Amino acid sequence: MYRHIEQCLDQSKLLPVKGRILGVSSIDNFKQIISVISDSVTIAQYPEVDMQQLPYKDDYFDFVISDQVIEHVEDATKAIQESFRVLKKDGVAIHTTCFMSHMQPNPKEYWRFSPDVLRYLCGDFSEILQCEGWGNRIAILLCLIGDRFRFMQIPDNRFDLRHWIATFNEEKYPIHTWIVARK
């Protein structure tokens, strides 16, 4: 998922990610693509900072990144609208979430999102740069067996079975879904 997002941003001439960046909960998985000369990075820990009522002024951020957050908010529509509100014109929102995964009820878990739902929720954005899902039946089975498999290191060797499982995608079986949208 993160490689696909990086490729999308690169093709859209948005790398490195720079300017004012809002990271909702964590942007650890995006650190390698964020410019060290970025104006500022603001981390808003959810649920301490409510994504449904962001305490930031309109048209302030160049990027809003929520990584595995919107499934935890009560009103996902409002959360996406808030990301839109705080983005500058031509700003970019990146929202990643889950579709098929075990429950992670900390703090709570309300939703699952297909790519179609993410497109619908981002209907006010001027352009959808990317909206996809990743997963396959084998990966789902391994994830359901236990967390040990979910956090396994994946080697770059394309002949390694773990690499194949981690890169093989069956569109009908997404584990994670994401959207990259421009205001």
N, C-alpha and C. Protein backbone atom coordinates (compact mmCIF):
# COMPACT_ATOMS: atom_id res chain seq x y z
N MET A 1 0.82 -1.19 0.00
CA MET A 1 0.00 0.00 0.00
C MET A 1 0.87 1.26 0.00
N TYR A 2 1.85 1.32 0.90
CA TYR A 2 2.67 2.53 1.01
C TYR A 2 3.51 2.74 -0.24
N ARG A 3 3.97 1.67 -0.86
CA ARG A 3 4.72 1.81 -2.12
C ARG A 3 3.83 2.36 -3.23
N HIS A 4 2.59 1.89 -3.29
CA HIS A 4 1.65 2.38 -4.30
C HIS A 4 1.37 3.87 -4.09
N ILE A 5 1.19 4.27 -2.85
CA ILE A 5 0.95 5.68 -2.55
C ILE A 5 2.16 6.52 -2.95
N GLU A 6 3.34 6.03 -2.62
CA GLU A 6 4.56 6.76 -3.00
C GLU A 6 4.68 6.88 -4.51
N GLN A 7 4.38 5.82 -5.25
CA GLN A 7 4.43 5.88 -6.71
C GLN A 7 3.42 6.88 -7.26
N CYS A 8 2.23 6.91 -6.67
CA CYS A 8 1.20 7.87 -7.09
C CYS A 8 1.69 9.30 -6.88
N LEU A 9 2.24 9.57 -5.71
CA LEU A 9 2.73 10.92 -5.41
C LEU A 9 3.88 11.30 -6.33
N ASP A 10 4.74 10.34 -6.63
CA ASP A 10 5.86 10.59 -7.53
C ASP A 10 5.35 10.91 -8.94
N GLN A 11 4.41 10.13 -9.45
CA GLN A 11 3.86 10.37 -10.78
C GLN A 11 3.11 11.70 -10.85
N SER A 12 2.56 12.13 -9.72
CA SER A 12 1.82 13.40 -9.67
C SER A 12 2.73 14.58 -9.34
N LYS A 13 4.04 14.33 -9.29
CA LYS A 13 5.04 15.37 -9.00
C LYS A 13 4.83 16.00 -7.63
N LEU A 14 4.46 15.16 -6.66
CA LEU A 14 4.20 15.63 -5.30
C LEU A 14 5.26 15.15 -4.31
N LEU A 15 6.32 14.54 -4.82
CA LEU A 15 7.40 14.09 -3.94
C LEU A 15 8.57 15.05 -4.03
N PRO A 16 9.28 15.28 -2.95
CA PRO A 16 8.93 14.83 -1.61
C PRO A 16 7.74 15.62 -1.06
N VAL A 17 7.01 15.00 -0.16
CA VAL A 17 5.89 15.67 0.50
C VAL A 17 6.46 16.80 1.35
N LYS A 18 5.97 18.02 1.11
CA LYS A 18 6.50 19.16 1.85
C LYS A 18 5.41 20.19 2.08
N GLY A 19 5.75 21.21 2.84
CA GLY A 19 4.78 22.23 3.22
C GLY A 19 4.24 21.92 4.61
N ARG A 20 3.05 22.39 4.87
CA ARG A 20 2.41 22.11 6.16
C ARG A 20 1.69 20.78 6.06
N ILE A 21 2.06 19.88 6.96
CA ILE A 21 1.53 18.52 6.93
C ILE A 21 0.82 18.22 8.25
N LEU A 22 -0.41 17.73 8.14
CA LEU A 22 -1.14 17.25 9.31
C LEU A 22 -1.15 15.73 9.25
N GLY A 23 -0.61 15.13 10.28
CA GLY A 23 -0.64 13.68 10.41
C GLY A 23 -1.59 13.32 11.53
N VAL A 24 -2.66 12.62 11.20
CA VAL A 24 -3.62 12.23 12.22
C VAL A 24 -3.19 10.88 12.77
N SER A 25 -2.80 10.88 14.04
CA SER A 25 -2.30 9.76 14.83
C SER A 25 -0.85 9.42 14.54
N SER A 26 -0.48 9.10 13.33
CA SER A 26 0.92 8.78 13.08
C SER A 26 1.21 8.91 11.59
N ILE A 27 2.41 9.33 11.30
CA ILE A 27 2.85 9.35 9.90
C ILE A 27 4.14 8.54 9.76
N ASP A 28 4.39 7.65 10.69
CA ASP A 28 5.62 6.85 10.66
C ASP A 28 5.81 6.13 9.33
N ASN A 29 4.75 5.62 8.75
CA ASN A 29 4.85 4.88 7.49
C ASN A 29 5.08 5.80 6.29
N PHE A 30 5.08 7.11 6.50
CA PHE A 30 5.27 8.08 5.42
C PHE A 30 6.55 8.89 5.60
N LYS A 31 7.30 8.65 6.65
CA LYS A 31 8.49 9.47 6.94
C LYS A 31 9.49 9.51 5.80
N GLN A 32 9.65 8.40 5.09
CA GLN A 32 10.66 8.35 4.02
C GLN A 32 10.30 9.23 2.84
N ILE A 33 9.05 9.68 2.72
CA ILE A 33 8.67 10.52 1.58
C ILE A 33 8.42 11.97 1.97
N ILE A 34 8.56 12.28 3.25
CA ILE A 34 8.35 13.65 3.72
C ILE A 34 9.67 14.40 3.69
N SER A 35 9.66 15.57 3.08
CA SER A 35 10.87 16.38 2.95
C SER A 35 11.35 16.84 4.31
N VAL A 36 12.66 16.80 4.50
CA VAL A 36 13.23 17.30 5.75
C VAL A 36 13.13 18.82 5.84
N ILE A 37 12.84 19.46 4.71
CA ILE A 37 12.70 20.92 4.71
C ILE A 37 11.22 21.34 4.75
N SER A 38 10.38 20.41 5.10
CA SER A 38 8.96 20.73 5.20
C SER A 38 8.77 21.87 6.20
N ASP A 39 7.83 22.77 5.89
CA ASP A 39 7.57 23.92 6.76
C ASP A 39 7.22 23.48 8.18
N SER A 40 6.31 22.53 8.28
CA SER A 40 5.95 22.04 9.61
C SER A 40 5.14 20.76 9.48
N VAL A 41 5.30 19.92 10.48
CA VAL A 41 4.53 18.70 10.59
C VAL A 41 3.78 18.76 11.91
N THR A 42 2.48 18.64 11.84
CA THR A 42 1.64 18.65 13.03
C THR A 42 1.07 17.25 13.20
N ILE A 43 1.31 16.65 14.35
CA ILE A 43 0.75 15.34 14.66
C ILE A 43 -0.42 15.54 15.60
N ALA A 44 -1.58 15.08 15.18
CA ALA A 44 -2.80 15.18 15.99
C ALA A 44 -3.18 13.76 16.40
N GLN A 45 -2.96 13.44 17.65
CA GLN A 45 -3.25 12.09 18.13
C GLN A 45 -4.75 11.88 18.29
N TYR A 46 -5.29 10.91 17.56
CA TYR A 46 -6.68 10.55 17.71
C TYR A 46 -6.77 9.49 18.81
N PRO A 47 -7.67 9.55 19.76
CA PRO A 47 -8.88 10.37 19.82
C PRO A 47 -8.72 11.68 20.60
N GLU A 48 -7.51 11.97 21.12
CA GLU A 48 -7.32 13.23 21.85
C GLU A 48 -7.69 14.42 20.97
N VAL A 49 -7.31 14.37 19.71
CA VAL A 49 -7.73 15.37 18.74
C VAL A 49 -8.76 14.68 17.85
N ASP A 50 -9.98 15.18 17.87
CA ASP A 50 -11.09 14.55 17.16
C ASP A 50 -11.02 14.88 15.68
N MET A 51 -10.83 13.87 14.86
CA MET A 51 -10.75 14.09 13.42
C MET A 51 -12.06 14.62 12.85
N GLN A 52 -13.14 14.47 13.58
CA GLN A 52 -14.45 14.96 13.12
C GLN A 52 -14.62 16.45 13.39
N GLN A 53 -13.73 17.02 14.21
CA GLN A 53 -13.75 18.45 14.54
C GLN A 53 -12.31 18.92 14.73
N LEU A 54 -11.59 19.01 13.63
CA LEU A 54 -10.18 19.37 13.72
C LEU A 54 -10.02 20.81 14.19
N PRO A 55 -9.13 21.05 15.16
CA PRO A 55 -8.96 22.39 15.73
C PRO A 55 -8.00 23.27 14.93
N TYR A 56 -8.12 23.25 13.61
CA TYR A 56 -7.23 24.02 12.75
C TYR A 56 -8.06 24.89 11.82
N LYS A 57 -7.46 25.99 11.38
CA LYS A 57 -8.21 26.91 10.52
C LYS A 57 -8.36 26.34 9.11
N ASP A 58 -9.31 26.89 8.40
CA ASP A 58 -9.58 26.48 7.02
C ASP A 58 -8.36 26.75 6.14
N ASP A 59 -8.20 25.91 5.12
CA ASP A 59 -7.19 26.13 4.07
C ASP A 59 -5.78 26.33 4.64
N TYR A 60 -5.38 25.49 5.58
CA TYR A 60 -4.11 25.69 6.27
C TYR A 60 -3.02 24.69 5.84
N PHE A 61 -3.38 23.45 5.61
CA PHE A 61 -2.38 22.40 5.36
C PHE A 61 -2.23 22.09 3.88
N ASP A 62 -1.01 21.68 3.51
CA ASP A 62 -0.74 21.22 2.15
C ASP A 62 -1.06 19.73 2.01
N PHE A 63 -0.90 19.00 3.10
CA PHE A 63 -1.19 17.56 3.12
C PHE A 63 -1.89 17.21 4.42
N VAL A 64 -2.87 16.32 4.33
CA VAL A 64 -3.48 15.70 5.51
C VAL A 64 -3.32 14.19 5.32
N ILE A 65 -2.71 13.56 6.29
CA ILE A 65 -2.48 12.11 6.23
C ILE A 65 -3.14 11.47 7.44
N SER A 66 -4.08 10.57 7.18
CA SER A 66 -4.63 9.75 8.27
C SER A 66 -4.35 8.30 7.91
N ASP A 67 -3.59 7.64 8.73
CA ASP A 67 -3.14 6.28 8.46
C ASP A 67 -3.84 5.33 9.44
N GLN A 68 -4.83 4.62 8.94
CA GLN A 68 -5.59 3.66 9.72
C GLN A 68 -6.34 4.33 10.88
N VAL A 69 -7.06 5.41 10.56
CA VAL A 69 -7.80 6.16 11.57
C VAL A 69 -9.29 6.18 11.31
N ILE A 70 -9.72 6.41 10.05
CA ILE A 70 -11.13 6.72 9.82
C ILE A 70 -12.07 5.57 10.18
N GLU A 71 -11.57 4.36 10.28
CA GLU A 71 -12.44 3.26 10.73
C GLU A 71 -12.80 3.39 12.21
N HIS A 72 -12.08 4.25 12.93
CA HIS A 72 -12.29 4.43 14.37
C HIS A 72 -13.16 5.63 14.73
N VAL A 73 -13.53 6.45 13.75
CA VAL A 73 -14.34 7.63 14.06
C VAL A 73 -15.82 7.30 13.86
N GLU A 74 -16.66 7.91 14.67
CA GLU A 74 -18.10 7.63 14.58
C GLU A 74 -18.69 8.11 13.27
N ASP A 75 -18.27 9.28 12.79
CA ASP A 75 -18.83 9.86 11.58
C ASP A 75 -17.70 10.05 10.56
N ALA A 76 -17.49 9.03 9.75
CA ALA A 76 -16.40 9.07 8.78
C ALA A 76 -16.61 10.16 7.74
N THR A 77 -17.86 10.43 7.39
CA THR A 77 -18.15 11.51 6.44
C THR A 77 -17.65 12.84 6.98
N LYS A 78 -17.93 13.11 8.22
CA LYS A 78 -17.49 14.36 8.86
C LYS A 78 -15.96 14.41 8.93
N ALA A 79 -15.32 13.30 9.23
CA ALA A 79 -13.86 13.27 9.30
C ALA A 79 -13.23 13.61 7.95
N ILE A 80 -13.77 13.06 6.88
CA ILE A 80 -13.25 13.35 5.54
C ILE A 80 -13.53 14.81 5.19
N GLN A 81 -14.72 15.31 5.53
CA GLN A 81 -15.04 16.72 5.29
C GLN A 81 -14.09 17.64 6.04
N GLU A 82 -13.72 17.27 7.25
CA GLU A 82 -12.78 18.07 8.03
C GLU A 82 -11.40 18.09 7.39
N SER A 83 -10.97 16.95 6.86
CA SER A 83 -9.67 16.93 6.16
C SER A 83 -9.73 17.85 4.95
N PHE A 84 -10.85 17.85 4.25
CA PHE A 84 -11.05 18.75 3.10
C PHE A 84 -11.00 20.21 3.55
N ARG A 85 -11.68 20.52 4.63
CA ARG A 85 -11.77 21.90 5.12
C ARG A 85 -10.41 22.48 5.45
N VAL A 86 -9.54 21.70 6.10
CA VAL A 86 -8.26 22.25 6.55
C VAL A 86 -7.19 22.23 5.46
N LEU A 87 -7.49 21.62 4.32
CA LEU A 87 -6.54 21.60 3.21
C LEU A 87 -6.58 22.90 2.42
N LYS A 88 -5.41 23.35 1.97
CA LYS A 88 -5.32 24.47 1.05
C LYS A 88 -5.86 24.03 -0.32
N LYS A 89 -6.14 25.00 -1.18
CA LYS A 89 -6.50 24.68 -2.55
C LYS A 89 -5.35 23.87 -3.16
N ASP A 90 -5.67 22.82 -3.84
CA ASP A 90 -4.71 21.88 -4.43
C ASP A 90 -3.98 21.03 -3.39
N GLY A 91 -4.36 21.14 -2.12
CA GLY A 91 -3.79 20.28 -1.09
C GLY A 91 -4.22 18.83 -1.31
N VAL A 92 -3.49 17.92 -0.66
CA VAL A 92 -3.72 16.49 -0.89
C VAL A 92 -4.03 15.78 0.42
N ALA A 93 -5.07 14.97 0.38
CA ALA A 93 -5.43 14.12 1.52
C ALA A 93 -5.05 12.68 1.19
N ILE A 94 -4.46 12.01 2.16
CA ILE A 94 -4.15 10.59 2.04
C ILE A 94 -4.82 9.91 3.22
N HIS A 95 -5.76 9.02 2.92
CA HIS A 95 -6.45 8.28 3.97
C HIS A 95 -6.27 6.79 3.71
N THR A 96 -5.69 6.09 4.68
CA THR A 96 -5.58 4.64 4.58
C THR A 96 -6.49 4.04 5.64
N THR A 97 -7.00 2.87 5.34
CA THR A 97 -7.92 2.23 6.28
C THR A 97 -7.94 0.73 6.01
N CYS A 98 -8.77 0.03 6.74
CA CYS A 98 -8.85 -1.42 6.56
C CYS A 98 -10.18 -1.82 5.95
N PHE A 99 -10.18 -2.98 5.34
CA PHE A 99 -11.41 -3.54 4.80
C PHE A 99 -11.66 -4.91 5.41
N MET A 100 -10.70 -5.84 5.24
CA MET A 100 -10.81 -7.16 5.86
C MET A 100 -9.65 -7.32 6.82
N SER A 101 -9.95 -7.27 8.06
CA SER A 101 -8.91 -7.40 9.09
C SER A 101 -9.61 -7.71 10.39
N HIS A 102 -8.87 -8.21 11.34
CA HIS A 102 -9.49 -8.45 12.64
C HIS A 102 -9.83 -7.11 13.30
N MET A 103 -10.74 -7.15 14.25
CA MET A 103 -11.16 -5.93 14.94
C MET A 103 -10.01 -5.38 15.77
N GLN A 104 -9.91 -4.06 15.77
CA GLN A 104 -8.92 -3.35 16.58
C GLN A 104 -9.67 -2.29 17.37
N PRO A 105 -10.41 -2.71 18.40
CA PRO A 105 -11.32 -1.79 19.08
C PRO A 105 -10.65 -0.86 20.09
N ASN A 106 -9.55 -0.27 19.69
CA ASN A 106 -8.88 0.65 20.60
C ASN A 106 -8.68 1.98 19.88
N PRO A 107 -9.47 3.02 20.07
CA PRO A 107 -10.47 3.13 21.12
C PRO A 107 -11.77 2.38 20.79
N LYS A 108 -12.30 2.51 19.58
CA LYS A 108 -13.45 1.75 19.10
C LYS A 108 -13.28 1.57 17.61
N GLU A 109 -14.03 0.64 17.04
CA GLU A 109 -13.97 0.46 15.60
C GLU A 109 -15.39 0.42 15.06
N TYR A 110 -15.67 1.31 14.09
CA TYR A 110 -17.03 1.48 13.59
C TYR A 110 -17.23 1.01 12.15
N TRP A 111 -16.22 1.11 11.30
CA TRP A 111 -16.43 0.98 9.87
C TRP A 111 -15.39 0.11 9.18
N ARG A 112 -15.76 -0.32 7.97
CA ARG A 112 -14.86 -0.94 7.00
C ARG A 112 -15.11 -0.23 5.68
N PHE A 113 -14.07 -0.01 4.90
CA PHE A 113 -14.17 0.83 3.70
C PHE A 113 -13.68 0.11 2.46
N SER A 114 -14.53 0.02 1.46
CA SER A 114 -14.11 -0.44 0.14
C SER A 114 -13.58 0.78 -0.62
N PRO A 115 -12.84 0.57 -1.71
CA PRO A 115 -12.43 1.72 -2.52
C PRO A 115 -13.62 2.56 -3.00
N ASP A 116 -14.73 1.91 -3.32
CA ASP A 116 -15.91 2.66 -3.77
C ASP A 116 -16.42 3.61 -2.69
N VAL A 117 -16.43 3.17 -1.45
CA VAL A 117 -16.88 4.03 -0.36
C VAL A 117 -15.91 5.20 -0.17
N LEU A 118 -14.61 4.95 -0.28
CA LEU A 118 -13.64 6.04 -0.15
C LEU A 118 -13.84 7.08 -1.25
N ARG A 119 -14.09 6.63 -2.48
CA ARG A 119 -14.36 7.57 -3.57
C ARG A 119 -15.61 8.39 -3.26
N TYR A 120 -16.64 7.74 -2.76
CA TYR A 120 -17.88 8.42 -2.42
C TYR A 120 -17.64 9.47 -1.33
N LEU A 121 -16.92 9.08 -0.27
CA LEU A 121 -16.66 10.01 0.83
C LEU A 121 -15.84 11.20 0.38
N CYS A 122 -15.00 11.03 -0.62
CA CYS A 122 -14.14 12.11 -1.10
C CYS A 122 -14.74 12.79 -2.33
N GLY A 123 -16.04 12.76 -2.46
CA GLY A 123 -16.73 13.33 -3.61
C GLY A 123 -16.53 14.83 -3.78
N ASP A 124 -16.24 15.56 -2.70
CA ASP A 124 -16.03 17.01 -2.80
C ASP A 124 -14.64 17.36 -3.33
N PHE A 125 -13.72 16.44 -3.33
CA PHE A 125 -12.37 16.70 -3.80
C PHE A 125 -12.40 16.88 -5.32
N SER A 126 -11.50 17.69 -5.84
CA SER A 126 -11.50 17.97 -7.28
C SER A 126 -10.95 16.80 -8.09
N GLU A 127 -10.06 15.99 -7.48
CA GLU A 127 -9.42 14.92 -8.25
C GLU A 127 -9.04 13.77 -7.32
N ILE A 128 -9.38 12.57 -7.74
CA ILE A 128 -8.91 11.37 -7.04
C ILE A 128 -7.65 10.92 -7.78
N LEU A 129 -6.51 11.02 -7.10
CA LEU A 129 -5.24 10.64 -7.72
C LEU A 129 -5.05 9.13 -7.69
N GLN A 130 -5.56 8.50 -6.63
CA GLN A 130 -5.44 7.05 -6.51
C GLN A 130 -6.46 6.58 -5.49
N CYS A 131 -7.08 5.45 -5.78
CA CYS A 131 -8.00 4.82 -4.83
C CYS A 131 -7.95 3.33 -5.11
N GLU A 132 -7.37 2.60 -4.17
CA GLU A 132 -7.13 1.18 -4.41
C GLU A 132 -7.28 0.39 -3.12
N GLY A 133 -7.12 -0.90 -3.29
CA GLY A 133 -7.08 -1.82 -2.16
C GLY A 133 -5.99 -2.84 -2.40
N TRP A 134 -5.52 -3.42 -1.32
CA TRP A 134 -4.52 -4.47 -1.45
C TRP A 134 -4.89 -5.62 -0.53
N GLY A 135 -4.69 -6.82 -1.03
CA GLY A 135 -4.87 -8.02 -0.22
C GLY A 135 -4.97 -9.24 -1.11
N ASN A 136 -5.00 -10.37 -0.47
CA ASN A 136 -5.22 -11.64 -1.16
C ASN A 136 -5.67 -12.66 -0.13
N ARG A 137 -6.21 -13.78 -0.60
CA ARG A 137 -6.77 -14.78 0.32
C ARG A 137 -5.74 -15.36 1.27
N ILE A 138 -4.54 -15.56 0.78
CA ILE A 138 -3.49 -16.13 1.64
C ILE A 138 -3.12 -15.15 2.74
N ALA A 139 -2.94 -13.89 2.38
CA ALA A 139 -2.59 -12.87 3.38
C ALA A 139 -3.69 -12.71 4.42
N ILE A 140 -4.95 -12.74 3.97
CA ILE A 140 -6.06 -12.65 4.92
C ILE A 140 -6.01 -13.81 5.90
N LEU A 141 -5.81 -15.01 5.40
CA LEU A 141 -5.73 -16.18 6.27
C LEU A 141 -4.58 -16.04 7.27
N LEU A 142 -3.43 -15.61 6.81
CA LEU A 142 -2.29 -15.44 7.72
C LEU A 142 -2.56 -14.36 8.76
N CYS A 143 -3.21 -13.27 8.37
CA CYS A 143 -3.53 -12.20 9.31
C CYS A 143 -4.53 -12.69 10.36
N LEU A 144 -5.47 -13.52 9.94
CA LEU A 144 -6.46 -14.03 10.89
C LEU A 144 -5.87 -15.05 11.86
N ILE A 145 -4.81 -15.72 11.44
CA ILE A 145 -4.15 -16.68 12.33
C ILE A 145 -3.53 -15.97 13.52
N GLY A 146 -2.98 -14.79 13.28
CA GLY A 146 -2.39 -14.07 14.40
C GLY A 146 -1.57 -12.87 13.98
N ASP A 147 -1.35 -11.98 14.95
CA ASP A 147 -0.61 -10.75 14.70
C ASP A 147 0.83 -11.01 14.29
N ARG A 148 1.38 -12.14 14.68
CA ARG A 148 2.76 -12.45 14.32
C ARG A 148 2.96 -12.34 12.81
N PHE A 149 1.97 -12.77 12.05
CA PHE A 149 2.06 -12.71 10.60
C PHE A 149 1.81 -11.30 10.06
N ARG A 150 0.99 -10.54 10.76
CA ARG A 150 0.67 -9.18 10.29
C ARG A 150 1.91 -8.28 10.32
N PHE A 151 2.81 -8.50 11.25
CA PHE A 151 3.95 -7.61 11.42
C PHE A 151 5.27 -8.26 11.02
N MET A 152 5.19 -9.31 10.23
CA MET A 152 6.37 -10.02 9.76
C MET A 152 7.16 -9.13 8.80
N GLN A 153 8.47 -9.15 8.91
CA GLN A 153 9.32 -8.41 7.98
C GLN A 153 9.23 -9.07 6.60
N ILE A 154 9.11 -8.25 5.58
CA ILE A 154 9.00 -8.74 4.21
C ILE A 154 10.31 -8.45 3.47
N PRO A 155 11.00 -9.49 3.03
CA PRO A 155 12.26 -9.27 2.32
C PRO A 155 12.02 -8.70 0.92
N ASP A 156 13.01 -7.98 0.38
CA ASP A 156 12.91 -7.42 -0.96
C ASP A 156 13.15 -8.47 -2.05
N ASN A 157 13.62 -9.64 -1.69
CA ASN A 157 13.90 -10.71 -2.64
C ASN A 157 12.59 -11.20 -3.25
N ARG A 158 12.39 -10.96 -4.53
CA ARG A 158 11.11 -11.30 -5.15
C ARG A 158 10.89 -12.81 -5.27
N PHE A 159 11.90 -13.61 -4.98
CA PHE A 159 11.74 -15.06 -5.02
C PHE A 159 11.38 -15.64 -3.66
N ASP A 160 11.36 -14.80 -2.65
CA ASP A 160 10.97 -15.24 -1.30
C ASP A 160 9.46 -15.36 -1.22
N LEU A 161 8.95 -16.43 -0.62
CA LEU A 161 7.50 -16.65 -0.51
C LEU A 161 6.81 -15.49 0.23
N ARG A 162 7.43 -14.97 1.30
CA ARG A 162 6.83 -13.85 2.03
C ARG A 162 6.70 -12.62 1.13
N HIS A 163 7.68 -12.38 0.29
CA HIS A 163 7.62 -11.26 -0.65
C HIS A 163 6.46 -11.45 -1.63
N TRP A 164 6.31 -12.66 -2.15
CA TRP A 164 5.24 -12.93 -3.09
C TRP A 164 3.88 -12.71 -2.44
N ILE A 165 3.69 -13.23 -1.22
CA ILE A 165 2.41 -13.06 -0.52
C ILE A 165 2.14 -11.58 -0.27
N ALA A 166 3.18 -10.83 0.09
CA ALA A 166 3.01 -9.41 0.42
C ALA A 166 2.79 -8.54 -0.81
N THR A 167 3.13 -9.01 -1.99
CA THR A 167 2.99 -8.18 -3.18
C THR A 167 1.89 -8.67 -4.12
N PHE A 168 1.41 -9.88 -3.92
CA PHE A 168 0.33 -10.42 -4.74
C PHE A 168 -0.97 -9.75 -4.34
N ASN A 169 -1.73 -9.30 -5.32
CA ASN A 169 -2.97 -8.58 -5.03
C ASN A 169 -4.14 -9.22 -5.78
N GLU A 170 -5.20 -9.51 -5.03
CA GLU A 170 -6.47 -9.94 -5.62
C GLU A 170 -7.48 -8.85 -5.27
N GLU A 171 -7.96 -8.12 -6.27
CA GLU A 171 -8.83 -6.97 -6.04
C GLU A 171 -10.07 -7.32 -5.22
N LYS A 172 -10.56 -8.54 -5.33
CA LYS A 172 -11.77 -8.94 -4.61
C LYS A 172 -11.53 -9.22 -3.13
N TYR A 173 -10.26 -9.20 -2.69
CA TYR A 173 -9.93 -9.54 -1.30
C TYR A 173 -9.03 -8.49 -0.66
N PRO A 174 -9.45 -7.23 -0.62
CA PRO A 174 -8.57 -6.22 -0.02
C PRO A 174 -8.52 -6.33 1.51
N ILE A 175 -7.34 -6.22 2.04
CA ILE A 175 -7.17 -6.10 3.49
C ILE A 175 -7.16 -4.63 3.85
N HIS A 176 -6.39 -3.87 3.09
CA HIS A 176 -6.30 -2.42 3.30
C HIS A 176 -6.79 -1.70 2.06
N THR A 177 -7.37 -0.53 2.27
CA THR A 177 -7.79 0.33 1.19
C THR A 177 -7.26 1.73 1.47
N TRP A 178 -7.16 2.54 0.42
CA TRP A 178 -6.63 3.90 0.59
C TRP A 178 -7.10 4.78 -0.54
N ILE A 179 -6.98 6.06 -0.26
CA ILE A 179 -7.30 7.07 -1.27
C ILE A 179 -6.31 8.22 -1.16
N VAL A 180 -5.94 8.76 -2.30
CA VAL A 180 -5.12 9.97 -2.40
C VAL A 180 -5.96 10.94 -3.23
N ALA A 181 -6.37 12.05 -2.62
CA ALA A 181 -7.29 12.97 -3.28
C ALA A 181 -6.79 14.40 -3.17
N ARG A 182 -6.97 15.15 -4.26
CA ARG A 182 -6.57 16.56 -4.30
C ARG A 182 -7.78 17.45 -4.14
N LYS A 183 -7.63 18.49 -3.30
CA LYS A 183 -8.73 19.45 -3.09
C LYS A 183 -8.91 20.32 -4.32
